[in-house]
N, C-alpha and C. Protein backbone atom coordinates (compact mmCIF):
# COMPACT_ATOMS: atom_id res chain seq x y z
N UNK A 1 11.22 4.72 24.56
CA UNK A 1 10.98 4.44 23.16
C UNK A 1 11.24 5.71 22.36
N UNK A 2 11.92 5.54 21.24
CA UNK A 2 12.22 6.66 20.37
C UNK A 2 11.33 6.60 19.13
N UNK A 3 11.18 7.75 18.48
CA UNK A 3 10.36 7.80 17.26
C UNK A 3 10.89 6.84 16.21
N UNK A 4 12.20 6.67 16.17
CA UNK A 4 12.78 5.79 15.15
C UNK A 4 12.44 4.32 15.40
N UNK A 5 11.99 3.99 16.62
CA UNK A 5 11.60 2.61 16.95
C UNK A 5 10.18 2.28 16.54
N UNK A 6 9.43 3.27 16.10
CA UNK A 6 8.02 3.07 15.79
C UNK A 6 7.87 2.39 14.43
N UNK A 7 7.18 1.29 14.44
CA UNK A 7 6.91 0.56 13.21
C UNK A 7 5.40 0.37 13.12
N UNK A 8 4.86 0.61 11.94
CA UNK A 8 3.42 0.48 11.76
C UNK A 8 3.15 -0.10 10.38
N UNK A 9 2.18 -0.97 10.30
CA UNK A 9 1.87 -1.56 9.01
C UNK A 9 1.20 -0.52 8.10
N UNK A 10 1.31 -0.74 6.84
CA UNK A 10 0.77 0.20 5.86
C UNK A 10 -0.75 0.31 5.96
N UNK A 11 -1.43 -0.78 6.29
CA UNK A 11 -2.89 -0.74 6.40
C UNK A 11 -3.34 0.14 7.55
N UNK A 12 -2.66 0.06 8.68
CA UNK A 12 -3.03 0.90 9.82
C UNK A 12 -2.83 2.37 9.49
N UNK A 13 -1.76 2.66 8.80
CA UNK A 13 -1.42 4.05 8.54
C UNK A 13 -2.13 4.68 7.37
N UNK A 14 -2.46 3.92 6.37
CA UNK A 14 -2.97 4.51 5.15
C UNK A 14 -4.37 4.05 4.76
N UNK A 15 -5.01 3.29 5.59
CA UNK A 15 -6.32 2.77 5.25
C UNK A 15 -7.33 3.88 4.97
N UNK A 16 -7.26 4.92 5.76
CA UNK A 16 -8.17 6.05 5.55
C UNK A 16 -7.37 7.18 4.92
N UNK A 17 -7.65 7.49 3.70
CA UNK A 17 -6.96 8.56 2.98
C UNK A 17 -7.94 9.73 2.81
N UNK A 18 -7.74 10.73 3.61
CA UNK A 18 -8.61 11.89 3.52
C UNK A 18 -7.77 13.14 3.79
N UNK A 19 -8.21 14.25 3.27
CA UNK A 19 -7.53 15.50 3.54
C UNK A 19 -8.45 16.34 4.42
N UNK A 20 -7.99 16.59 5.63
CA UNK A 20 -8.74 17.40 6.59
C UNK A 20 -8.71 18.86 6.13
N UNK A 21 -9.73 19.61 6.46
CA UNK A 21 -9.80 20.99 5.99
C UNK A 21 -8.63 21.82 6.50
N UNK A 22 -8.03 21.47 7.66
CA UNK A 22 -6.89 22.24 8.16
C UNK A 22 -5.64 22.02 7.33
N UNK A 23 -5.61 20.96 6.51
CA UNK A 23 -4.46 20.68 5.67
C UNK A 23 -4.60 21.26 4.27
N UNK A 24 -5.67 21.96 4.01
CA UNK A 24 -5.91 22.51 2.67
C UNK A 24 -5.61 24.00 2.65
N UNK A 25 -4.90 24.40 1.65
CA UNK A 25 -4.66 25.82 1.44
C UNK A 25 -5.96 26.45 0.94
N UNK A 26 -6.10 27.70 1.14
CA UNK A 26 -7.32 28.40 0.74
C UNK A 26 -7.63 28.20 -0.75
N UNK A 27 -6.60 28.21 -1.58
CA UNK A 27 -6.80 28.08 -3.02
C UNK A 27 -7.20 26.65 -3.42
N UNK A 28 -7.09 25.68 -2.48
CA UNK A 28 -7.39 24.30 -2.78
C UNK A 28 -8.82 23.90 -2.43
N UNK A 29 -9.57 24.74 -1.80
CA UNK A 29 -10.87 24.35 -1.26
C UNK A 29 -11.87 23.90 -2.31
N UNK A 30 -11.71 24.31 -3.55
CA UNK A 30 -12.64 23.90 -4.59
C UNK A 30 -12.37 22.48 -5.09
N UNK A 31 -11.12 22.20 -5.39
CA UNK A 31 -10.74 20.91 -5.96
C UNK A 31 -9.43 20.45 -5.34
N UNK A 32 -9.34 19.18 -5.01
CA UNK A 32 -8.10 18.61 -4.49
C UNK A 32 -7.60 17.58 -5.49
N UNK A 33 -6.38 17.77 -5.95
CA UNK A 33 -5.75 16.83 -6.87
C UNK A 33 -4.63 16.15 -6.10
N UNK A 34 -4.63 14.83 -6.11
CA UNK A 34 -3.63 14.07 -5.37
C UNK A 34 -2.22 14.47 -5.80
N UNK A 35 -1.37 14.74 -4.83
CA UNK A 35 0.01 15.11 -5.10
C UNK A 35 0.24 16.59 -5.29
N UNK A 36 -0.81 17.35 -5.51
CA UNK A 36 -0.68 18.78 -5.74
C UNK A 36 -0.46 19.51 -4.41
N UNK A 37 0.40 20.49 -4.36
CA UNK A 37 0.67 21.32 -3.18
C UNK A 37 1.26 20.51 -2.02
N UNK A 38 1.91 19.38 -2.30
CA UNK A 38 2.45 18.53 -1.23
C UNK A 38 3.50 19.26 -0.39
N UNK A 39 4.39 19.98 -1.03
CA UNK A 39 5.45 20.66 -0.29
C UNK A 39 4.88 21.71 0.66
N UNK A 40 3.91 22.49 0.18
CA UNK A 40 3.29 23.51 1.03
C UNK A 40 2.51 22.87 2.17
N UNK A 41 1.78 21.78 1.88
CA UNK A 41 1.04 21.07 2.92
C UNK A 41 1.97 20.54 3.99
N UNK A 42 3.08 19.95 3.57
CA UNK A 42 4.06 19.40 4.52
C UNK A 42 4.62 20.49 5.41
N UNK A 43 4.97 21.61 4.83
CA UNK A 43 5.51 22.73 5.60
C UNK A 43 4.50 23.24 6.62
N UNK A 44 3.25 23.37 6.20
CA UNK A 44 2.19 23.83 7.11
C UNK A 44 1.95 22.81 8.22
N UNK A 45 1.94 21.53 7.87
CA UNK A 45 1.72 20.48 8.88
C UNK A 45 2.86 20.45 9.90
N UNK A 46 4.10 20.64 9.44
CA UNK A 46 5.24 20.65 10.36
C UNK A 46 5.16 21.85 11.31
N UNK A 47 4.72 22.98 10.80
CA UNK A 47 4.55 24.15 11.66
C UNK A 47 3.45 23.91 12.70
N UNK A 48 2.31 23.36 12.28
CA UNK A 48 1.24 23.06 13.23
C UNK A 48 1.68 22.02 14.25
N UNK A 49 2.47 21.05 13.81
CA UNK A 49 2.98 20.03 14.72
C UNK A 49 3.89 20.66 15.77
N UNK A 50 4.73 21.58 15.37
CA UNK A 50 5.62 22.26 16.31
C UNK A 50 4.80 23.04 17.34
N UNK A 51 3.80 23.75 16.88
CA UNK A 51 2.96 24.54 17.80
C UNK A 51 2.24 23.61 18.78
N UNK A 52 1.70 22.50 18.28
CA UNK A 52 1.03 21.53 19.16
C UNK A 52 2.02 20.96 20.17
N UNK A 53 3.23 20.66 19.74
CA UNK A 53 4.24 20.13 20.66
C UNK A 53 4.59 21.13 21.74
N UNK A 54 4.65 22.40 21.39
CA UNK A 54 4.90 23.44 22.40
C UNK A 54 3.80 23.43 23.45
N UNK A 55 2.57 23.20 23.02
CA UNK A 55 1.43 23.19 23.94
C UNK A 55 1.34 21.89 24.73
N UNK A 56 1.70 20.77 24.11
CA UNK A 56 1.54 19.46 24.74
C UNK A 56 2.71 19.03 25.61
N UNK A 57 3.87 19.62 25.40
CA UNK A 57 5.08 19.16 26.09
C UNK A 57 4.97 19.26 27.61
N UNK A 58 4.26 20.23 28.12
CA UNK A 58 4.13 20.36 29.58
C UNK A 58 3.29 19.24 30.17
N UNK A 59 2.61 18.46 29.34
CA UNK A 59 1.81 17.32 29.79
C UNK A 59 2.50 15.99 29.47
N UNK A 60 3.75 16.06 29.00
CA UNK A 60 4.50 14.85 28.70
C UNK A 60 4.04 14.16 27.43
N UNK A 61 3.50 14.92 26.50
CA UNK A 61 2.97 14.37 25.25
C UNK A 61 3.73 14.96 24.08
N UNK A 62 4.04 14.11 23.10
CA UNK A 62 4.74 14.53 21.90
C UNK A 62 3.92 14.14 20.67
N UNK A 63 3.93 15.00 19.68
CA UNK A 63 3.21 14.75 18.44
C UNK A 63 4.22 14.73 17.29
N UNK A 64 4.05 13.80 16.37
CA UNK A 64 4.93 13.73 15.20
C UNK A 64 4.08 13.66 13.94
N UNK A 65 4.44 14.46 12.97
CA UNK A 65 3.78 14.41 11.66
C UNK A 65 4.24 13.13 10.98
N UNK A 66 3.30 12.40 10.37
CA UNK A 66 3.65 11.13 9.77
C UNK A 66 3.10 11.03 8.35
N UNK A 67 3.98 10.92 7.40
CA UNK A 67 3.63 10.62 6.02
C UNK A 67 2.71 11.67 5.36
N UNK A 68 2.76 12.88 5.85
CA UNK A 68 1.98 13.97 5.28
C UNK A 68 0.48 13.70 5.27
N UNK A 69 0.03 12.78 6.13
CA UNK A 69 -1.40 12.49 6.15
C UNK A 69 -1.93 12.22 7.55
N UNK A 70 -1.09 11.88 8.49
CA UNK A 70 -1.53 11.54 9.83
C UNK A 70 -0.54 12.09 10.85
N UNK A 71 -0.86 11.92 12.12
CA UNK A 71 0.04 12.29 13.20
C UNK A 71 0.17 11.08 14.12
N UNK A 72 1.31 10.98 14.81
CA UNK A 72 1.48 9.97 15.84
C UNK A 72 1.69 10.72 17.15
N UNK A 73 0.88 10.39 18.14
CA UNK A 73 0.98 11.01 19.45
C UNK A 73 1.52 9.97 20.43
N UNK A 74 2.46 10.41 21.27
CA UNK A 74 3.03 9.51 22.26
C UNK A 74 3.20 10.27 23.58
N UNK A 75 2.88 9.58 24.68
CA UNK A 75 3.14 10.21 25.97
C UNK A 75 4.44 9.66 26.54
N UNK A 76 4.88 10.23 27.67
CA UNK A 76 6.18 9.82 28.24
C UNK A 76 6.13 8.46 28.91
N UNK A 77 4.98 7.81 28.90
CA UNK A 77 4.85 6.45 29.43
C UNK A 77 4.86 5.41 28.31
N UNK A 78 4.96 5.87 27.05
CA UNK A 78 5.05 4.96 25.92
C UNK A 78 3.73 4.67 25.22
N UNK A 79 2.64 5.25 25.68
CA UNK A 79 1.35 5.05 25.00
C UNK A 79 1.36 5.83 23.69
N UNK A 80 0.87 5.20 22.62
CA UNK A 80 0.87 5.82 21.30
C UNK A 80 -0.52 5.77 20.69
N UNK A 81 -0.78 6.71 19.79
CA UNK A 81 -2.05 6.72 19.04
C UNK A 81 -1.81 7.36 17.68
N UNK A 82 -2.50 6.84 16.68
CA UNK A 82 -2.49 7.45 15.34
C UNK A 82 -3.62 8.47 15.32
N UNK A 83 -3.30 9.68 14.96
CA UNK A 83 -4.26 10.78 14.88
C UNK A 83 -4.46 11.09 13.40
N UNK A 84 -5.69 11.04 12.95
CA UNK A 84 -5.94 11.22 11.52
C UNK A 84 -5.97 12.67 11.08
N UNK A 85 -6.33 13.57 11.99
CA UNK A 85 -6.35 14.98 11.61
C UNK A 85 -6.26 15.86 12.84
N UNK A 86 -6.07 17.13 12.61
CA UNK A 86 -5.89 18.09 13.70
C UNK A 86 -7.08 18.11 14.66
N UNK A 87 -8.25 17.82 14.17
CA UNK A 87 -9.44 17.84 15.01
C UNK A 87 -9.46 16.78 16.10
N UNK A 88 -8.65 15.74 15.97
CA UNK A 88 -8.62 14.67 16.97
C UNK A 88 -7.55 14.85 18.03
N UNK A 89 -6.66 15.80 17.83
CA UNK A 89 -5.49 15.93 18.71
C UNK A 89 -5.88 16.18 20.16
N UNK A 90 -6.76 17.13 20.42
CA UNK A 90 -7.05 17.50 21.81
C UNK A 90 -7.84 16.43 22.54
N UNK A 91 -8.69 15.72 21.84
CA UNK A 91 -9.43 14.62 22.47
C UNK A 91 -8.46 13.52 22.90
N UNK A 92 -7.54 13.16 22.01
CA UNK A 92 -6.57 12.11 22.33
C UNK A 92 -5.60 12.58 23.40
N UNK A 93 -5.20 13.84 23.36
CA UNK A 93 -4.29 14.38 24.37
C UNK A 93 -4.93 14.33 25.76
N UNK A 94 -6.23 14.60 25.82
CA UNK A 94 -6.95 14.53 27.09
C UNK A 94 -6.91 13.11 27.63
N UNK A 95 -7.11 12.12 26.76
CA UNK A 95 -7.07 10.72 27.19
C UNK A 95 -5.68 10.34 27.67
N UNK A 96 -4.65 10.78 26.96
CA UNK A 96 -3.29 10.42 27.35
C UNK A 96 -2.85 11.11 28.63
N UNK A 97 -3.26 12.35 28.80
CA UNK A 97 -2.85 13.12 29.99
C UNK A 97 -3.71 12.77 31.21
N UNK A 98 -4.89 12.24 30.96
CA UNK A 98 -5.79 11.93 32.07
C UNK A 98 -6.50 13.15 32.62
N UNK A 99 -6.45 14.23 31.87
CA UNK A 99 -7.12 15.47 32.27
C UNK A 99 -7.32 16.34 31.03
N UNK A 100 -8.28 17.24 31.07
CA UNK A 100 -8.49 18.12 29.92
C UNK A 100 -7.28 19.03 29.70
N UNK A 101 -6.98 19.28 28.45
CA UNK A 101 -5.90 20.20 28.09
C UNK A 101 -6.51 21.34 27.31
N UNK A 102 -6.34 22.54 27.84
CA UNK A 102 -6.88 23.72 27.18
C UNK A 102 -5.75 24.44 26.47
N UNK A 103 -5.70 24.38 25.13
CA UNK A 103 -4.60 25.02 24.40
C UNK A 103 -4.64 26.55 24.51
N UNK A 104 -5.74 27.10 25.02
CA UNK A 104 -5.84 28.56 25.17
C UNK A 104 -5.71 29.00 26.63
N UNK A 105 -5.25 28.10 27.51
CA UNK A 105 -5.05 28.42 28.91
C UNK A 105 -4.03 29.56 29.05
N UNK A 106 -4.39 30.59 29.82
CA UNK A 106 -3.52 31.77 29.94
C UNK A 106 -2.15 31.43 30.51
N UNK A 107 -2.10 30.57 31.52
CA UNK A 107 -0.82 30.19 32.12
C UNK A 107 0.07 29.49 31.11
N UNK A 108 -0.50 28.58 30.37
CA UNK A 108 0.24 27.85 29.34
C UNK A 108 0.75 28.80 28.26
N UNK A 109 -0.09 29.69 27.80
CA UNK A 109 0.32 30.64 26.75
C UNK A 109 1.42 31.57 27.24
N UNK A 110 1.40 31.96 28.52
CA UNK A 110 2.45 32.82 29.07
C UNK A 110 3.78 32.08 29.10
N UNK A 111 3.76 30.78 29.41
CA UNK A 111 4.99 29.98 29.41
C UNK A 111 5.60 29.90 28.01
N UNK A 112 4.76 29.93 26.99
CA UNK A 112 5.23 29.79 25.61
C UNK A 112 5.84 31.08 25.07
N UNK A 113 5.54 32.21 25.69
CA UNK A 113 6.05 33.49 25.18
C UNK A 113 7.52 33.67 25.41
């Protein structure tokens, strides 16, 4: 299955509209205005997604940023999950991999260098 084959209804994807603290720039912490800082948020989310993919790829898991508000996680067996924020990634990755994934594991970090 390819990312381009993924179809999801609007209710599943957008029912919960929230901005996780990891998606907020420091200057935004006081007030969030819808649509403001979208380009910067998208760039930051894409960078975090790339870093997560570097960490998850050795477990056969891929993460994709979706619609600047959620993530889609897929393993190499075709299992998929919608991830609402960065805080849910490692819990879902553990379920998909069938084992705990430590993003700070020394062996894993050495492979990434």
